[in-house]
Amino acid sequence: MIFLYILKNLFIVIIGLLFSFAALEFSIYIKLTNMSFDEYYIHFFNEEYLNIIIFILSYIFVYFIFSLFNYLISSNTITNYYSFILALFISTFHVYILYINDITFDIESYLSLISIQIFLSFFINYSTKYENGINKNLKKRTF
């Protein structure tokens, strides 16, 4: 049973990443940010597909661990604050890594990244939490 929950959790993280990539491409398309998609992630290797795979795997790992932690604290209020603070922390860490690697980052790009991270964090944390929360509420109401 726990394996199925972990598999569902991993699937939700991947779907959330796909939505956030689409939101990033849309914000680049409508010129909310003046950075290209290639500047949002660090180039570790010469091949582009390896850079994208490293980027996706690192986000999957980070959000997978934090969403499993969110499963343990299943309260609506805590999840709201938790998702917001997690999004701010991850987006700030992402910008800091880009800054270390000499990529200039303006305030519009930073706000765009924060909004995408907030969407991603709320999507993942609310999607992975409510199965546990609903079961607890149903048990409290029926007994």
N, C-alpha and C. Protein backbone atom coordinates (compact mmCIF):
# COMPACT_ATOMS: atom_id res chain seq x y z
N MET A 1 0.82 -1.19 0.00
CA MET A 1 0.00 0.00 0.00
C MET A 1 0.87 1.26 0.00
N ILE A 2 1.93 1.26 0.79
CA ILE A 2 2.79 2.44 0.84
C ILE A 2 3.51 2.63 -0.48
N PHE A 3 3.83 1.54 -1.17
CA PHE A 3 4.47 1.64 -2.48
C PHE A 3 3.56 2.35 -3.47
N LEU A 4 2.26 2.06 -3.43
CA LEU A 4 1.33 2.73 -4.33
C LEU A 4 1.21 4.22 -4.01
N TYR A 5 1.24 4.56 -2.73
CA TYR A 5 1.20 5.97 -2.37
C TYR A 5 2.45 6.69 -2.87
N ILE A 6 3.62 6.07 -2.70
CA ILE A 6 4.86 6.69 -3.17
C ILE A 6 4.86 6.83 -4.68
N LEU A 7 4.34 5.82 -5.38
CA LEU A 7 4.24 5.90 -6.84
C LEU A 7 3.27 7.00 -7.27
N LYS A 8 2.12 7.11 -6.60
CA LYS A 8 1.17 8.19 -6.90
C LYS A 8 1.78 9.56 -6.61
N ASN A 9 2.51 9.65 -5.52
CA ASN A 9 3.16 10.89 -5.14
C ASN A 9 4.19 11.31 -6.19
N LEU A 10 4.97 10.37 -6.66
CA LEU A 10 5.96 10.64 -7.69
C LEU A 10 5.30 11.07 -9.00
N PHE A 11 4.19 10.45 -9.34
CA PHE A 11 3.46 10.82 -10.55
C PHE A 11 2.92 12.24 -10.45
N ILE A 12 2.41 12.63 -9.30
CA ILE A 12 1.89 13.99 -9.10
C ILE A 12 3.01 15.01 -9.20
N VAL A 13 4.19 14.69 -8.68
CA VAL A 13 5.33 15.60 -8.79
C VAL A 13 5.71 15.80 -10.25
N ILE A 14 5.71 14.74 -11.03
CA ILE A 14 6.05 14.84 -12.46
C ILE A 14 5.00 15.66 -13.20
N ILE A 15 3.73 15.45 -12.92
CA ILE A 15 2.66 16.24 -13.56
C ILE A 15 2.79 17.71 -13.17
N GLY A 16 3.09 18.00 -11.91
CA GLY A 16 3.29 19.38 -11.48
C GLY A 16 4.47 20.03 -12.18
N LEU A 17 5.54 19.28 -12.38
CA LEU A 17 6.69 19.82 -13.11
C LEU A 17 6.34 20.12 -14.56
N LEU A 18 5.55 19.27 -15.17
CA LEU A 18 5.13 19.54 -16.55
C LEU A 18 4.28 20.82 -16.63
N PHE A 19 3.39 21.00 -15.66
CA PHE A 19 2.59 22.24 -15.62
C PHE A 19 3.48 23.46 -15.39
N SER A 20 4.47 23.32 -14.52
CA SER A 20 5.35 24.47 -14.25
C SER A 20 6.24 24.78 -15.44
N PHE A 21 6.68 23.77 -16.18
CA PHE A 21 7.43 24.02 -17.42
C PHE A 21 6.57 24.75 -18.44
N ALA A 22 5.30 24.34 -18.53
CA ALA A 22 4.38 25.03 -19.45
C ALA A 22 4.16 26.47 -19.01
N ALA A 23 4.03 26.70 -17.70
CA ALA A 23 3.85 28.07 -17.20
C ALA A 23 5.10 28.91 -17.45
N LEU A 24 6.27 28.32 -17.31
CA LEU A 24 7.52 29.03 -17.58
C LEU A 24 7.63 29.38 -19.06
N GLU A 25 7.31 28.43 -19.92
CA GLU A 25 7.34 28.71 -21.36
C GLU A 25 6.33 29.79 -21.74
N PHE A 26 5.16 29.77 -21.10
CA PHE A 26 4.14 30.78 -21.38
C PHE A 26 4.59 32.16 -20.92
N SER A 27 5.24 32.23 -19.74
CA SER A 27 5.71 33.52 -19.26
C SER A 27 6.85 34.05 -20.13
N ILE A 28 7.65 33.16 -20.69
CA ILE A 28 8.69 33.59 -21.62
C ILE A 28 8.05 34.05 -22.93
N TYR A 29 7.02 33.35 -23.37
CA TYR A 29 6.36 33.68 -24.63
C TYR A 29 5.66 35.04 -24.57
N ILE A 30 5.02 35.36 -23.45
CA ILE A 30 4.33 36.65 -23.36
C ILE A 30 5.23 37.74 -22.79
N LYS A 31 6.51 37.46 -22.67
CA LYS A 31 7.55 38.42 -22.28
C LYS A 31 7.40 38.92 -20.85
N LEU A 32 6.95 38.07 -19.94
CA LEU A 32 6.97 38.43 -18.53
C LEU A 32 8.39 38.42 -17.99
N THR A 33 9.21 37.61 -18.60
CA THR A 33 10.61 37.54 -18.22
C THR A 33 11.46 37.72 -19.47
N ASN A 34 12.62 38.31 -19.31
CA ASN A 34 13.48 38.51 -20.45
C ASN A 34 14.62 37.50 -20.48
N MET A 35 14.46 36.39 -19.78
CA MET A 35 15.43 35.31 -19.83
C MET A 35 14.89 34.19 -20.72
N SER A 36 15.78 33.42 -21.29
CA SER A 36 15.34 32.28 -22.08
C SER A 36 15.21 31.06 -21.16
N PHE A 37 14.61 30.01 -21.69
CA PHE A 37 14.42 28.80 -20.90
C PHE A 37 15.76 28.17 -20.54
N ASP A 38 16.73 28.29 -21.42
CA ASP A 38 18.06 27.71 -21.16
C ASP A 38 18.78 28.39 -20.00
N GLU A 39 18.44 29.63 -19.70
CA GLU A 39 19.10 30.33 -18.61
C GLU A 39 18.52 29.98 -17.23
N TYR A 40 17.38 29.32 -17.21
CA TYR A 40 16.77 28.96 -15.93
C TYR A 40 17.41 27.75 -15.28
N TYR A 41 18.15 26.98 -16.03
CA TYR A 41 18.83 25.86 -15.41
C TYR A 41 20.32 25.91 -15.75
N ILE A 42 21.12 25.25 -14.93
CA ILE A 42 22.57 25.30 -15.06
C ILE A 42 23.02 24.23 -16.05
N HIS A 43 24.02 24.54 -16.80
CA HIS A 43 24.56 23.61 -17.79
C HIS A 43 25.71 22.83 -17.17
N PHE A 44 25.42 21.59 -16.81
CA PHE A 44 26.46 20.73 -16.25
C PHE A 44 27.24 20.00 -17.34
N PHE A 45 26.55 19.61 -18.39
CA PHE A 45 27.14 18.83 -19.46
C PHE A 45 26.99 19.56 -20.79
N ASN A 46 27.67 19.08 -21.80
CA ASN A 46 27.56 19.69 -23.13
C ASN A 46 26.26 19.31 -23.83
N GLU A 47 25.74 18.13 -23.54
CA GLU A 47 24.48 17.70 -24.15
C GLU A 47 23.30 18.30 -23.39
N GLU A 48 22.36 18.87 -24.13
CA GLU A 48 21.22 19.54 -23.49
C GLU A 48 20.29 18.57 -22.77
N TYR A 49 20.10 17.39 -23.33
CA TYR A 49 19.16 16.46 -22.70
C TYR A 49 19.66 16.01 -21.32
N LEU A 50 20.98 15.91 -21.13
CA LEU A 50 21.51 15.56 -19.82
C LEU A 50 21.29 16.69 -18.81
N ASN A 51 21.41 17.93 -19.24
CA ASN A 51 21.14 19.06 -18.35
C ASN A 51 19.68 19.08 -17.92
N ILE A 52 18.79 18.83 -18.85
CA ILE A 52 17.36 18.83 -18.54
C ILE A 52 17.02 17.66 -17.62
N ILE A 53 17.61 16.51 -17.85
CA ILE A 53 17.35 15.35 -16.99
C ILE A 53 17.84 15.61 -15.57
N ILE A 54 19.02 16.21 -15.42
CA ILE A 54 19.55 16.55 -14.08
C ILE A 54 18.61 17.54 -13.39
N PHE A 55 18.16 18.55 -14.13
CA PHE A 55 17.25 19.55 -13.58
C PHE A 55 15.95 18.92 -13.11
N ILE A 56 15.36 18.07 -13.95
CA ILE A 56 14.09 17.43 -13.60
C ILE A 56 14.27 16.48 -12.43
N LEU A 57 15.32 15.69 -12.43
CA LEU A 57 15.54 14.75 -11.34
C LEU A 57 15.79 15.45 -10.01
N SER A 58 16.49 16.57 -10.04
CA SER A 58 16.71 17.29 -8.79
C SER A 58 15.40 17.86 -8.24
N TYR A 59 14.56 18.41 -9.12
CA TYR A 59 13.27 18.91 -8.65
C TYR A 59 12.36 17.78 -8.18
N ILE A 60 12.38 16.66 -8.89
CA ILE A 60 11.57 15.52 -8.45
C ILE A 60 12.02 15.05 -7.08
N PHE A 61 13.32 14.96 -6.88
CA PHE A 61 13.83 14.50 -5.59
C PHE A 61 13.44 15.46 -4.47
N VAL A 62 13.65 16.75 -4.68
CA VAL A 62 13.35 17.73 -3.63
C VAL A 62 11.86 17.76 -3.32
N TYR A 63 11.01 17.89 -4.34
CA TYR A 63 9.58 17.96 -4.07
C TYR A 63 9.01 16.64 -3.60
N PHE A 64 9.58 15.54 -4.03
CA PHE A 64 9.11 14.24 -3.57
C PHE A 64 9.35 14.08 -2.07
N ILE A 65 10.54 14.44 -1.62
CA ILE A 65 10.86 14.35 -0.19
C ILE A 65 9.97 15.30 0.63
N PHE A 66 9.83 16.55 0.16
CA PHE A 66 9.03 17.52 0.91
C PHE A 66 7.54 17.20 0.88
N SER A 67 7.04 16.60 -0.19
CA SER A 67 5.63 16.22 -0.21
C SER A 67 5.37 15.01 0.67
N LEU A 68 6.34 14.10 0.79
CA LEU A 68 6.18 13.00 1.75
C LEU A 68 6.18 13.53 3.17
N PHE A 69 7.01 14.53 3.44
CA PHE A 69 7.00 15.15 4.76
C PHE A 69 5.66 15.85 5.01
N ASN A 70 5.09 16.46 3.98
CA ASN A 70 3.79 17.12 4.11
C ASN A 70 2.69 16.11 4.44
N TYR A 71 2.84 14.90 3.96
CA TYR A 71 1.86 13.85 4.25
C TYR A 71 1.77 13.58 5.74
N LEU A 72 2.88 13.76 6.45
CA LEU A 72 2.89 13.51 7.88
C LEU A 72 2.17 14.62 8.66
N ILE A 73 2.22 15.85 8.16
CA ILE A 73 1.54 16.97 8.83
C ILE A 73 0.31 17.34 8.00
N SER A 74 -0.77 16.66 8.22
CA SER A 74 -1.95 16.88 7.39
C SER A 74 -2.94 17.79 8.08
N SER A 75 -2.65 19.07 8.01
CA SER A 75 -3.54 20.10 8.51
C SER A 75 -3.63 21.18 7.43
N ASN A 76 -4.81 21.72 7.21
CA ASN A 76 -4.99 22.72 6.15
C ASN A 76 -4.13 23.96 6.39
N THR A 77 -4.11 24.46 7.60
CA THR A 77 -3.36 25.67 7.90
C THR A 77 -1.86 25.45 7.75
N ILE A 78 -1.38 24.36 8.28
CA ILE A 78 0.05 24.08 8.18
C ILE A 78 0.46 23.89 6.73
N THR A 79 -0.37 23.24 5.93
CA THR A 79 -0.02 23.01 4.52
C THR A 79 0.02 24.31 3.74
N ASN A 80 -0.86 25.25 4.04
CA ASN A 80 -0.81 26.55 3.37
C ASN A 80 0.52 27.26 3.62
N TYR A 81 0.89 27.38 4.88
CA TYR A 81 2.15 28.04 5.22
C TYR A 81 3.35 27.24 4.72
N TYR A 82 3.27 25.94 4.86
CA TYR A 82 4.35 25.06 4.44
C TYR A 82 4.60 25.19 2.93
N SER A 83 3.55 25.20 2.15
CA SER A 83 3.69 25.30 0.70
C SER A 83 4.27 26.64 0.29
N PHE A 84 3.82 27.70 0.91
CA PHE A 84 4.30 29.04 0.57
C PHE A 84 5.77 29.21 0.95
N ILE A 85 6.13 28.80 2.15
CA ILE A 85 7.52 28.94 2.60
C ILE A 85 8.44 28.03 1.79
N LEU A 86 7.97 26.84 1.46
CA LEU A 86 8.77 25.93 0.63
C LEU A 86 9.01 26.51 -0.75
N ALA A 87 8.00 27.13 -1.34
CA ALA A 87 8.17 27.75 -2.66
C ALA A 87 9.15 28.91 -2.61
N LEU A 88 9.05 29.74 -1.58
CA LEU A 88 10.01 30.85 -1.45
C LEU A 88 11.43 30.35 -1.25
N PHE A 89 11.58 29.33 -0.43
CA PHE A 89 12.90 28.78 -0.17
C PHE A 89 13.52 28.17 -1.44
N ILE A 90 12.75 27.37 -2.16
CA ILE A 90 13.29 26.70 -3.35
C ILE A 90 13.58 27.71 -4.46
N SER A 91 12.71 28.69 -4.65
CA SER A 91 12.98 29.68 -5.71
C SER A 91 14.19 30.55 -5.36
N THR A 92 14.34 30.90 -4.09
CA THR A 92 15.51 31.68 -3.69
C THR A 92 16.79 30.87 -3.83
N PHE A 93 16.73 29.61 -3.49
CA PHE A 93 17.89 28.74 -3.66
C PHE A 93 18.23 28.56 -5.14
N HIS A 94 17.21 28.45 -5.97
CA HIS A 94 17.42 28.33 -7.42
C HIS A 94 18.10 29.59 -7.98
N VAL A 95 17.64 30.76 -7.57
CA VAL A 95 18.24 32.01 -8.03
C VAL A 95 19.66 32.15 -7.49
N TYR A 96 19.89 31.72 -6.27
CA TYR A 96 21.23 31.80 -5.71
C TYR A 96 22.21 30.91 -6.49
N ILE A 97 21.79 29.73 -6.86
CA ILE A 97 22.64 28.86 -7.67
C ILE A 97 22.91 29.49 -9.03
N LEU A 98 21.91 30.11 -9.62
CA LEU A 98 22.14 30.80 -10.90
C LEU A 98 23.08 31.98 -10.71
N TYR A 99 22.96 32.69 -9.61
CA TYR A 99 23.83 33.84 -9.34
C TYR A 99 25.28 33.40 -9.15
N ILE A 100 25.48 32.28 -8.48
CA ILE A 100 26.83 31.75 -8.29
C ILE A 100 27.48 31.42 -9.63
N ASN A 101 26.68 30.96 -10.57
CA ASN A 101 27.20 30.58 -11.89
C ASN A 101 27.16 31.73 -12.89
N ASP A 102 27.15 32.95 -12.42
CA ASP A 102 27.25 34.17 -13.22
C ASP A 102 26.13 34.33 -14.25
N ILE A 103 24.93 34.02 -13.85
CA ILE A 103 23.77 34.28 -14.69
C ILE A 103 23.02 35.44 -14.06
N THR A 104 22.87 36.52 -14.83
CA THR A 104 22.18 37.69 -14.29
C THR A 104 20.69 37.42 -14.23
N PHE A 105 20.10 37.84 -13.14
CA PHE A 105 18.69 37.55 -12.87
C PHE A 105 18.03 38.84 -12.44
N ASP A 106 17.05 39.31 -13.19
CA ASP A 106 16.37 40.56 -12.83
C ASP A 106 15.15 40.26 -11.97
N ILE A 107 14.52 41.31 -11.47
CA ILE A 107 13.43 41.16 -10.51
C ILE A 107 12.18 40.56 -11.16
N GLU A 108 11.92 40.87 -12.44
CA GLU A 108 10.75 40.27 -13.11
C GLU A 108 10.92 38.78 -13.27
N SER A 109 12.12 38.36 -13.61
CA SER A 109 12.38 36.92 -13.74
C SER A 109 12.29 36.23 -12.40
N TYR A 110 12.75 36.90 -11.35
CA TYR A 110 12.67 36.33 -10.01
C TYR A 110 11.21 36.20 -9.56
N LEU A 111 10.40 37.21 -9.80
CA LEU A 111 8.99 37.13 -9.43
C LEU A 111 8.25 36.08 -10.25
N SER A 112 8.62 35.95 -11.51
CA SER A 112 8.03 34.91 -12.34
C SER A 112 8.39 33.53 -11.81
N LEU A 113 9.64 33.35 -11.42
CA LEU A 113 10.07 32.07 -10.87
C LEU A 113 9.39 31.79 -9.54
N ILE A 114 9.22 32.80 -8.71
CA ILE A 114 8.53 32.61 -7.43
C ILE A 114 7.08 32.20 -7.67
N SER A 115 6.40 32.84 -8.61
CA SER A 115 5.00 32.48 -8.85
C SER A 115 4.86 31.07 -9.38
N ILE A 116 5.79 30.65 -10.23
CA ILE A 116 5.75 29.28 -10.73
C ILE A 116 6.04 28.29 -9.61
N GLN A 117 6.98 28.62 -8.73
CA GLN A 117 7.30 27.75 -7.61
C GLN A 117 6.14 27.67 -6.62
N ILE A 118 5.44 28.78 -6.41
CA ILE A 118 4.27 28.75 -5.52
C ILE A 118 3.19 27.86 -6.10
N PHE A 119 2.94 27.99 -7.40
CA PHE A 119 1.98 27.11 -8.05
C PHE A 119 2.39 25.65 -7.90
N LEU A 120 3.64 25.36 -8.18
CA LEU A 120 4.13 23.98 -8.12
C LEU A 120 4.04 23.43 -6.70
N SER A 121 4.42 24.22 -5.73
CA SER A 121 4.39 23.77 -4.34
C SER A 121 2.97 23.51 -3.86
N PHE A 122 2.03 24.42 -4.14
CA PHE A 122 0.65 24.21 -3.73
C PHE A 122 0.04 23.03 -4.47
N PHE A 123 0.32 22.89 -5.76
CA PHE A 123 -0.21 21.78 -6.54
C PHE A 123 0.24 20.45 -5.97
N ILE A 124 1.53 20.33 -5.71
CA ILE A 124 2.07 19.05 -5.24
C ILE A 124 1.62 18.77 -3.81
N ASN A 125 1.70 19.76 -2.93
CA ASN A 125 1.38 19.49 -1.53
C ASN A 125 -0.10 19.24 -1.31
N TYR A 126 -0.98 19.93 -2.04
CA TYR A 126 -2.41 19.67 -1.87
C TYR A 126 -2.83 18.39 -2.56
N SER A 127 -2.21 18.04 -3.67
CA SER A 127 -2.57 16.81 -4.36
C SER A 127 -2.13 15.58 -3.60
N THR A 128 -1.04 15.66 -2.90
CA THR A 128 -0.56 14.48 -2.18
C THR A 128 -1.13 14.37 -0.78
N LYS A 129 -1.73 15.40 -0.26
CA LYS A 129 -2.15 15.39 1.14
C LYS A 129 -3.57 14.92 1.34
N TYR A 130 -4.49 15.26 0.46
CA TYR A 130 -5.90 15.13 0.81
C TYR A 130 -6.42 13.72 0.89
N GLU A 131 -5.73 12.76 0.36
CA GLU A 131 -6.19 11.39 0.55
C GLU A 131 -6.12 11.02 2.02
N ASN A 132 -5.06 11.39 2.67
CA ASN A 132 -4.91 11.13 4.09
C ASN A 132 -5.88 11.99 4.90
N GLY A 133 -6.03 13.27 4.54
CA GLY A 133 -6.90 14.17 5.27
C GLY A 133 -8.36 13.80 5.19
N ILE A 134 -8.83 13.37 4.02
CA ILE A 134 -10.24 12.98 3.86
C ILE A 134 -10.53 11.74 4.68
N ASN A 135 -9.64 10.78 4.66
CA ASN A 135 -9.87 9.56 5.44
C ASN A 135 -9.94 9.88 6.92
N LYS A 136 -9.10 10.79 7.40
CA LYS A 136 -9.15 11.15 8.81
C LYS A 136 -10.46 11.86 9.14
N ASN A 137 -10.92 12.76 8.25
CA ASN A 137 -12.18 13.46 8.50
C ASN A 137 -13.36 12.52 8.47
N LEU A 138 -13.37 11.57 7.56
CA LEU A 138 -14.47 10.61 7.50
C LEU A 138 -14.51 9.75 8.75
N LYS A 139 -13.37 9.35 9.25
CA LYS A 139 -13.34 8.55 10.47
C LYS A 139 -13.80 9.36 11.67
N LYS A 140 -13.48 10.64 11.73
CA LYS A 140 -13.89 11.48 12.86
C LYS A 140 -15.39 11.71 12.82
N ARG A 141 -15.96 11.85 11.63
CA ARG A 141 -17.40 12.12 11.54
C ARG A 141 -18.24 10.88 11.81
N THR A 142 -17.74 9.71 11.46
CA THR A 142 -18.58 8.52 11.58
C THR A 142 -18.48 7.86 12.95
N PHE A 143 -17.43 8.14 13.72
CA PHE A 143 -17.31 7.46 15.02
C PHE A 143 -17.48 8.40 16.14
